[in-house]
Amino acid sequence: MKFLKYFLLLFILFTSTNLLYSQENSVQIISPKKFSKIAETNPRAVVIDVRTRKAYKKGHIIYAVLAEKSENLYHIIDTTGTEMIYLLYCKDGNRSVDAGKMLFKKYQITSYSLQGGLDYWKELKMKVVK
């Protein structure tokens, strides 16, 4: 009986630690340089702008698709599949991390968020299109 209690305790600790680790790694924050390189060179890359339509129209990263709402984001994943590389960005990097966590929760996929968001991208004088 004592062995069973220890086993159960170890099992709970292991699974909860593993779950925490998985959630922390559901979104990788990457530099603008790395974000750009993946977007430009990897045919499986899908760039997703999670800002508002109004902000998107003022300027966005080339080839980015807009996912203003979670339904739009899920539709993109359902359409393109879970084997793609999803590059997410927003204004400052916070909303894209939240979107990545949503993707992990629903699809168990890792996504990549632009460090500092579009604000930092622009600060580095990287290309934005309208």
Protein backbone atom coordinates (compact mmCIF):
# COMPACT_ATOMS: atom_id res chain seq x y z
CA MET A 1 0.00 0.00 0.00
CA LYS A 2 2.84 2.38 0.89
CA PHE A 3 4.51 1.63 -2.45
CA LEU A 4 1.28 2.50 -4.28
CA LYS A 5 1.09 5.89 -2.53
CA TYR A 6 4.68 6.73 -3.49
CA PHE A 7 4.11 5.58 -7.03
CA LEU A 8 0.97 7.70 -7.30
CA LEU A 9 2.75 10.74 -5.87
CA LEU A 10 5.67 10.34 -8.29
CA PHE A 11 3.29 9.88 -11.20
CA ILE A 12 1.38 13.07 -10.34
CA LEU A 13 4.61 15.07 -9.94
CA PHE A 14 6.02 13.76 -13.21
CA THR A 15 2.89 14.42 -15.27
CA SER A 16 2.33 17.90 -13.84
CA THR A 17 5.98 18.84 -14.46
CA ASN A 18 5.76 17.50 -18.00
CA LEU A 19 2.55 19.46 -18.59
CA LEU A 20 4.13 22.68 -17.34
CA TYR A 21 7.16 22.13 -19.54
CA SER A 22 4.98 21.54 -22.58
CA GLN A 23 2.92 24.67 -22.00
CA GLU A 24 6.02 26.83 -21.55
CA ASN A 25 7.40 25.56 -24.84
CA SER A 26 4.18 25.92 -26.80
CA VAL A 27 5.35 29.29 -28.17
CA GLN A 28 8.94 30.08 -29.05
CA ILE A 29 9.84 33.77 -29.13
CA ILE A 30 12.26 34.43 -31.96
CA SER A 31 14.21 37.46 -33.15
CA PRO A 32 13.05 39.49 -36.14
CA LYS A 33 16.07 38.24 -38.10
CA LYS A 34 15.22 34.59 -37.48
CA PHE A 35 11.50 35.25 -38.08
CA SER A 36 12.31 36.85 -41.43
CA LYS A 37 14.69 34.08 -42.46
CA ILE A 38 12.14 31.34 -41.73
CA ALA A 39 9.36 33.28 -43.50
CA GLU A 40 11.48 33.83 -46.60
CA THR A 41 13.20 30.46 -46.92
CA ASN A 42 10.89 27.80 -45.55
CA PRO A 43 8.03 26.81 -47.87
CA ARG A 44 6.09 25.46 -44.87
CA ALA A 45 6.09 28.85 -43.12
CA VAL A 46 2.78 30.64 -42.61
CA VAL A 47 3.00 34.23 -41.33
CA ILE A 48 -0.05 35.24 -39.29
CA ASP A 49 -0.86 38.77 -38.14
CA VAL A 50 -3.09 38.66 -35.04
CA ARG A 51 -3.74 42.41 -34.85
CA THR A 52 -6.92 44.18 -35.91
CA ARG A 53 -7.95 44.63 -39.54
CA LYS A 54 -7.41 48.38 -39.20
CA ALA A 55 -3.82 47.88 -37.98
CA TYR A 56 -3.18 45.27 -40.70
CA LYS A 57 -4.29 47.68 -43.42
CA LYS A 58 -1.88 50.35 -42.11
CA GLY A 59 1.02 47.96 -42.69
CA HIS A 60 1.98 44.32 -42.23
CA ILE A 61 4.80 41.88 -42.88
CA ILE A 62 4.86 40.65 -46.46
CA TYR A 63 2.71 37.55 -47.13
CA ALA A 64 1.06 37.77 -43.70
CA VAL A 65 -2.51 36.58 -43.39
CA LEU A 66 -4.81 38.30 -40.96
CA ALA A 67 -6.33 36.40 -38.03
CA GLU A 68 -8.07 39.13 -36.09
CA LYS A 69 -10.20 36.66 -34.10
CA SER A 70 -9.58 33.19 -32.73
CA GLU A 71 -12.08 31.74 -35.23
CA ASN A 72 -9.95 33.13 -38.08
CA LEU A 73 -6.80 31.69 -36.54
CA TYR A 74 -8.38 28.25 -36.16
CA HIS A 75 -9.67 28.39 -39.74
CA ILE A 76 -6.13 29.03 -41.00
CA ILE A 77 -4.79 26.02 -39.10
CA ASP A 78 -7.70 23.82 -40.18
CA THR A 79 -7.10 24.83 -43.79
CA THR A 80 -3.30 24.57 -43.91
CA GLY A 81 -2.80 21.71 -41.43
CA THR A 82 -0.74 21.20 -38.32
CA GLU A 83 2.48 20.32 -40.17
CA MET A 84 3.17 23.93 -41.14
CA ILE A 85 5.46 26.37 -39.32
CA TYR A 86 3.31 29.12 -37.84
CA LEU A 87 4.96 32.51 -37.38
CA LEU A 88 2.74 34.81 -35.33
CA TYR A 89 3.07 38.52 -34.68
CA CYS A 90 1.14 41.42 -33.23
CA LYS A 91 1.97 45.00 -32.23
CA ASP A 92 4.29 44.26 -29.29
CA GLY A 93 4.57 40.48 -28.97
CA ASN A 94 2.01 39.82 -26.23
CA ARG A 95 -1.10 38.98 -28.24
CA SER A 96 0.87 36.67 -30.54
CA VAL A 97 2.15 34.68 -27.55
CA ASP A 98 -1.44 34.32 -26.31
CA ALA A 99 -2.51 33.18 -29.79
CA GLY A 100 0.30 30.63 -29.82
CA LYS A 101 -0.84 29.27 -26.47
CA MET A 102 -4.35 28.91 -27.89
CA LEU A 103 -2.95 26.97 -30.85
CA PHE A 104 -1.05 24.68 -28.54
CA LYS A 105 -4.11 24.07 -26.39
CA LYS A 106 -6.30 23.19 -29.39
CA TYR A 107 -3.79 21.51 -31.76
CA GLN A 108 -0.74 20.66 -29.61
CA ILE A 109 1.54 22.47 -32.06
CA THR A 110 4.43 24.79 -31.33
CA SER A 111 4.31 28.20 -32.96
CA TYR A 112 6.77 31.07 -33.13
CA SER A 113 6.15 34.63 -31.96
CA LEU A 114 8.02 37.68 -33.21
CA GLN A 115 10.09 39.18 -30.40
CA GLY A 116 8.87 42.71 -29.70
CA GLY A 117 6.15 42.43 -32.33
CA LEU A 118 5.76 44.71 -35.33
CA ASP A 119 6.92 47.70 -33.28
CA TYR A 120 10.40 46.16 -32.88
CA TRP A 121 10.36 44.97 -36.52
CA LYS A 122 9.79 48.56 -37.66
CA GLU A 123 12.37 49.89 -35.23
CA LEU A 124 14.92 47.68 -36.99
CA LYS A 125 13.79 49.18 -40.34
CA MET A 126 12.56 45.84 -41.63
CA LYS A 127 10.12 45.82 -44.54
CA VAL A 128 6.40 46.41 -44.03
CA VAL A 129 3.84 46.41 -46.85
CA LYS A 130 0.32 47.86 -47.17
